[in-house]
């Protein structure tokens, strides 16, 4: 389970997207490296909205939850929003157990998340599985 952690940071329709490219995100050094890249991107670009796309991710360690919370707090300082797309239903349970499903908005796929972020607000689901 010590796969290299990889994520691609892009901008689609004015929305920043962090797409994880690793099925298992558990390598602490890799998570820290991706975290540093994301924070640097945020510092340089100040995105109003950021989508974390978990398409294809089967497992992640609790460090990923910490990363999500850090990024959310960073964007909240200027009213930016963080949403999550394409989360595996098994992983979504982790959000429910930790009550993080109440602070993140979930979308079934990246495209619907981007559409919602470019419209007048986030209209994804909070609390229910994608």
C-alpha atoms as a PDB file:
ATOM      1  CA  UNK A   1       0.000   0.000   0.000  1.00  0.00           C
ATOM      2  CA  UNK A   2       2.966   2.331  -0.327  1.00  0.00           C
ATOM      3  CA  UNK A   3       2.129   3.486  -3.824  1.00  0.00           C
ATOM      4  CA  UNK A   4       3.390   6.837  -5.001  1.00  0.00           C
ATOM      5  CA  UNK A   5       0.681   9.443  -4.430  1.00  0.00           C
ATOM      6  CA  UNK A   6      -0.079  11.439  -7.546  1.00  0.00           C
ATOM      7  CA  UNK A   7      -2.553  14.224  -8.191  1.00  0.00           C
ATOM      8  CA  UNK A   8      -3.117  16.495 -11.140  1.00  0.00           C
ATOM      9  CA  UNK A   9      -4.102  20.122 -10.541  1.00  0.00           C
ATOM     10  CA  UNK A  10      -5.967  21.745 -13.411  1.00  0.00           C
ATOM     11  CA  UNK A  11      -8.441  24.544 -14.003  1.00  0.00           C
ATOM     12  CA  UNK A  12     -11.686  23.732 -15.801  1.00  0.00           C
ATOM     13  CA  UNK A  13     -14.263  26.436 -16.552  1.00  0.00           C
ATOM     14  CA  UNK A  14     -12.638  28.652 -13.937  1.00  0.00           C
ATOM     15  CA  UNK A  15     -12.767  25.933 -11.258  1.00  0.00           C
ATOM     16  CA  UNK A  16      -9.608  24.442  -9.760  1.00  0.00           C
ATOM     17  CA  UNK A  17      -9.646  20.627  -9.844  1.00  0.00           C
ATOM     18  CA  UNK A  18      -7.388  18.302  -7.882  1.00  0.00           C
ATOM     19  CA  UNK A  19      -7.727  14.855  -9.442  1.00  0.00           C
ATOM     20  CA  UNK A  20      -6.048  12.026  -7.580  1.00  0.00           C
ATOM     21  CA  UNK A  21      -4.366   9.566  -9.934  1.00  0.00           C
ATOM     22  CA  UNK A  22      -3.635   6.862  -7.371  1.00  0.00           C
ATOM     23  CA  UNK A  23      -6.032   4.106  -6.265  1.00  0.00           C
ATOM     24  CA  UNK A  24      -4.545   3.965  -2.774  1.00  0.00           C
ATOM     25  CA  UNK A  25      -3.540   7.210  -1.074  1.00  0.00           C
ATOM     26  CA  UNK A  26      -1.676   6.143   2.035  1.00  0.00           C
ATOM     27  CA  UNK A  27       1.977   7.117   1.638  1.00  0.00           C
ATOM     28  CA  UNK A  28       2.512   9.936   4.164  1.00  0.00           C
ATOM     29  CA  UNK A  29       5.441  11.493   2.295  1.00  0.00           C
ATOM     30  CA  UNK A  30       3.428  11.414  -0.932  1.00  0.00           C
ATOM     31  CA  UNK A  31       0.391  12.993   0.719  1.00  0.00           C
ATOM     32  CA  UNK A  32       2.612  15.720   2.172  1.00  0.00           C
ATOM     33  CA  UNK A  33       4.169  16.393  -1.240  1.00  0.00           C
ATOM     34  CA  UNK A  34       0.740  16.641  -2.908  1.00  0.00           C
ATOM     35  CA  UNK A  35      -0.454  18.833  -0.040  1.00  0.00           C
ATOM     36  CA  UNK A  36       2.471  21.207  -0.576  1.00  0.00           C
ATOM     37  CA  UNK A  37       1.711  21.407  -4.325  1.00  0.00           C
ATOM     38  CA  UNK A  38      -1.972  22.151  -3.646  1.00  0.00           C
ATOM     39  CA  UNK A  39      -1.181  24.838  -1.068  1.00  0.00           C
ATOM     40  CA  UNK A  40       1.329  26.452  -3.426  1.00  0.00           C
ATOM     41  CA  UNK A  41      -1.312  26.427  -6.189  1.00  0.00           C
ATOM     42  CA  UNK A  42      -3.832  28.061  -3.830  1.00  0.00           C
ATOM     43  CA  UNK A  43      -1.332  30.713  -2.720  1.00  0.00           C
ATOM     44  CA  UNK A  44      -0.531  31.628  -6.342  1.00  0.00           C
ATOM     45  CA  UNK A  45      -4.050  31.393  -7.819  1.00  0.00           C
ATOM     46  CA  UNK A  46      -6.528  32.033  -4.947  1.00  0.00           C
ATOM     47  CA  UNK A  47      -9.250  29.864  -6.527  1.00  0.00           C
ATOM     48  CA  UNK A  48     -12.833  30.669  -5.508  1.00  0.00           C
ATOM     49  CA  UNK A  49     -13.743  27.020  -5.808  1.00  0.00           C
ATOM     50  CA  UNK A  50     -11.820  23.763  -5.719  1.00  0.00           C
ATOM     51  CA  UNK A  51     -13.037  20.269  -6.580  1.00  0.00           C
ATOM     52  CA  UNK A  52     -11.279  17.239  -5.107  1.00  0.00           C
ATOM     53  CA  UNK A  53     -11.934  14.452  -7.613  1.00  0.00           C
ATOM     54  CA  UNK A  54     -11.629  10.956  -6.127  1.00  0.00           C
ATOM     55  CA  UNK A  55     -12.512   9.036  -9.320  1.00  0.00           C
ATOM     56  CA  UNK A  56     -10.785   5.648  -9.115  1.00  0.00           C
ATOM     57  CA  UNK A  57      -9.594   6.051  -5.506  1.00  0.00           C
ATOM     58  CA  UNK A  58     -10.313   2.898  -3.491  1.00  0.00           C
ATOM     59  CA  UNK A  59      -8.508   3.737  -0.243  1.00  0.00           C
ATOM     60  CA  UNK A  60      -7.062   6.740   1.572  1.00  0.00           C
ATOM     61  CA  UNK A  61      -5.499   7.275   4.976  1.00  0.00           C
ATOM     62  CA  UNK A  62      -6.764   9.735   7.543  1.00  0.00           C
ATOM     63  CA  UNK A  63      -4.016  12.133   6.424  1.00  0.00           C
ATOM     64  CA  UNK A  64      -6.165  12.857   3.355  1.00  0.00           C
ATOM     65  CA  UNK A  65      -8.988  14.049   5.624  1.00  0.00           C
ATOM     66  CA  UNK A  66      -6.495  16.397   7.253  1.00  0.00           C
ATOM     67  CA  UNK A  67      -5.464  17.694   3.829  1.00  0.00           C
ATOM     68  CA  UNK A  68      -9.099  18.320   2.855  1.00  0.00           C
ATOM     69  CA  UNK A  69      -9.756  20.204   6.089  1.00  0.00           C
ATOM     70  CA  UNK A  70      -6.598  22.295   5.699  1.00  0.00           C
ATOM     71  CA  UNK A  71      -7.469  23.276   2.142  1.00  0.00           C
ATOM     72  CA  UNK A  72     -11.054  24.048   3.139  1.00  0.00           C
ATOM     73  CA  UNK A  73      -9.841  26.324   5.957  1.00  0.00           C
ATOM     74  CA  UNK A  74      -7.396  28.056   3.602  1.00  0.00           C
ATOM     75  CA  UNK A  75     -10.096  28.800   1.012  1.00  0.00           C
ATOM     76  CA  UNK A  76     -12.637  29.839   3.651  1.00  0.00           C
ATOM     77  CA  UNK A  77     -10.420  32.799   4.587  1.00  0.00           C
ATOM     78  CA  UNK A  78     -11.623  34.464   1.376  1.00  0.00           C
ATOM     79  CA  UNK A  79     -15.021  32.718   1.017  1.00  0.00           C
ATOM     80  CA  UNK A  80     -13.738  30.012  -1.325  1.00  0.00           C
ATOM     81  CA  UNK A  81     -15.491  26.634  -1.493  1.00  0.00           C
ATOM     82  CA  UNK A  82     -14.190  23.062  -1.529  1.00  0.00           C
ATOM     83  CA  UNK A  83     -16.321  20.198  -2.829  1.00  0.00           C
ATOM     84  CA  UNK A  84     -15.722  16.501  -3.403  1.00  0.00           C
ATOM     85  CA  UNK A  85     -16.587  14.472  -6.475  1.00  0.00           C
ATOM     86  CA  UNK A  86     -16.723  10.806  -7.458  1.00  0.00           C
ATOM     87  CA  UNK A  87     -16.063   9.449  -3.974  1.00  0.00           C
ATOM     88  CA  UNK A  88     -16.330   5.701  -3.582  1.00  0.00           C
ATOM     89  CA  UNK A  89     -19.387   4.852  -1.394  1.00  0.00           C
ATOM     90  CA  UNK A  90     -17.133   2.917   0.999  1.00  0.00           C
ATOM     91  CA  UNK A  91     -14.927   5.978   1.435  1.00  0.00           C
ATOM     92  CA  UNK A  92     -17.974   8.214   1.795  1.00  0.00           C
ATOM     93  CA  UNK A  93     -18.784   6.264   4.978  1.00  0.00           C
ATOM     94  CA  UNK A  94     -15.587   7.643   6.509  1.00  0.00           C
ATOM     95  CA  UNK A  95     -17.006  11.146   6.044  1.00  0.00           C
ATOM     96  CA  UNK A  96     -20.276  10.079   7.684  1.00  0.00           C
ATOM     97  CA  UNK A  97     -18.555   8.411  10.643  1.00  0.00           C
ATOM     98  CA  UNK A  98     -16.433  11.517  11.275  1.00  0.00           C
ATOM     99  CA  UNK A  99     -19.362  13.903  10.613  1.00  0.00           C
ATOM    100  CA  UNK A 100     -17.335  15.526   7.823  1.00  0.00           C
ATOM    101  CA  UNK A 101     -20.267  14.793   5.519  1.00  0.00           C
ATOM    102  CA  UNK A 102     -21.897  17.812   7.135  1.00  0.00           C
ATOM    103  CA  UNK A 103     -19.177  20.262   6.076  1.00  0.00           C
ATOM    104  CA  UNK A 104     -18.316  19.002   2.588  1.00  0.00           C
ATOM    105  CA  UNK A 105     -20.617  18.891  -0.424  1.00  0.00           C
ATOM    106  CA  UNK A 106     -20.473  15.780  -2.606  1.00  0.00           C
ATOM    107  CA  UNK A 107     -21.121  15.314  -6.306  1.00  0.00           C
ATOM    108  CA  UNK A 108     -21.404  12.077  -8.285  1.00  0.00           C
ATOM    109  CA  UNK A 109     -18.730  13.171 -10.780  1.00  0.00           C
ATOM    110  CA  UNK A 110     -16.283  15.937 -11.573  1.00  0.00           C
ATOM    111  CA  UNK A 111     -18.445  17.413 -14.316  1.00  0.00           C
ATOM    112  CA  UNK A 112     -21.464  17.949 -12.061  1.00  0.00           C
ATOM    113  CA  UNK A 113     -19.237  19.491  -9.393  1.00  0.00           C
ATOM    114  CA  UNK A 114     -17.729  21.924 -11.892  1.00  0.00           C
ATOM    115  CA  UNK A 115     -21.187  22.824 -13.232  1.00  0.00           C
ATOM    116  CA  UNK A 116     -22.425  23.533  -9.715  1.00  0.00           C
ATOM    117  CA  UNK A 117     -19.380  25.594  -8.829  1.00  0.00           C
ATOM    118  CA  UNK A 118     -19.755  27.729 -11.951  1.00  0.00           C
ATOM    119  CA  UNK A 119     -23.475  28.301 -11.333  1.00  0.00           C
ATOM    120  CA  UNK A 120     -24.901  30.388  -8.508  1.00  0.00           C
ATOM    121  CA  UNK A 121     -23.864  28.088  -5.724  1.00  0.00           C
ATOM    122  CA  UNK A 122     -23.229  24.549  -4.680  1.00  0.00           C
ATOM    123  CA  UNK A 123     -26.287  22.356  -4.987  1.00  0.00           C
ATOM    124  CA  UNK A 124     -24.695  18.986  -4.386  1.00  0.00           C
ATOM    125  CA  UNK A 125     -25.668  16.657  -1.612  1.00  0.00           C
ATOM    126  CA  UNK A 126     -24.564  17.051   1.944  1.00  0.00           C
ATOM    127  CA  UNK A 127     -24.715  13.981   4.088  1.00  0.00           C
ATOM    128  CA  UNK A 128     -26.025  11.495   1.522  1.00  0.00           C
ATOM    129  CA  UNK A 129     -23.882   9.140  -0.528  1.00  0.00           C
ATOM    130  CA  UNK A 130     -22.976  10.187  -4.046  1.00  0.00           C
END
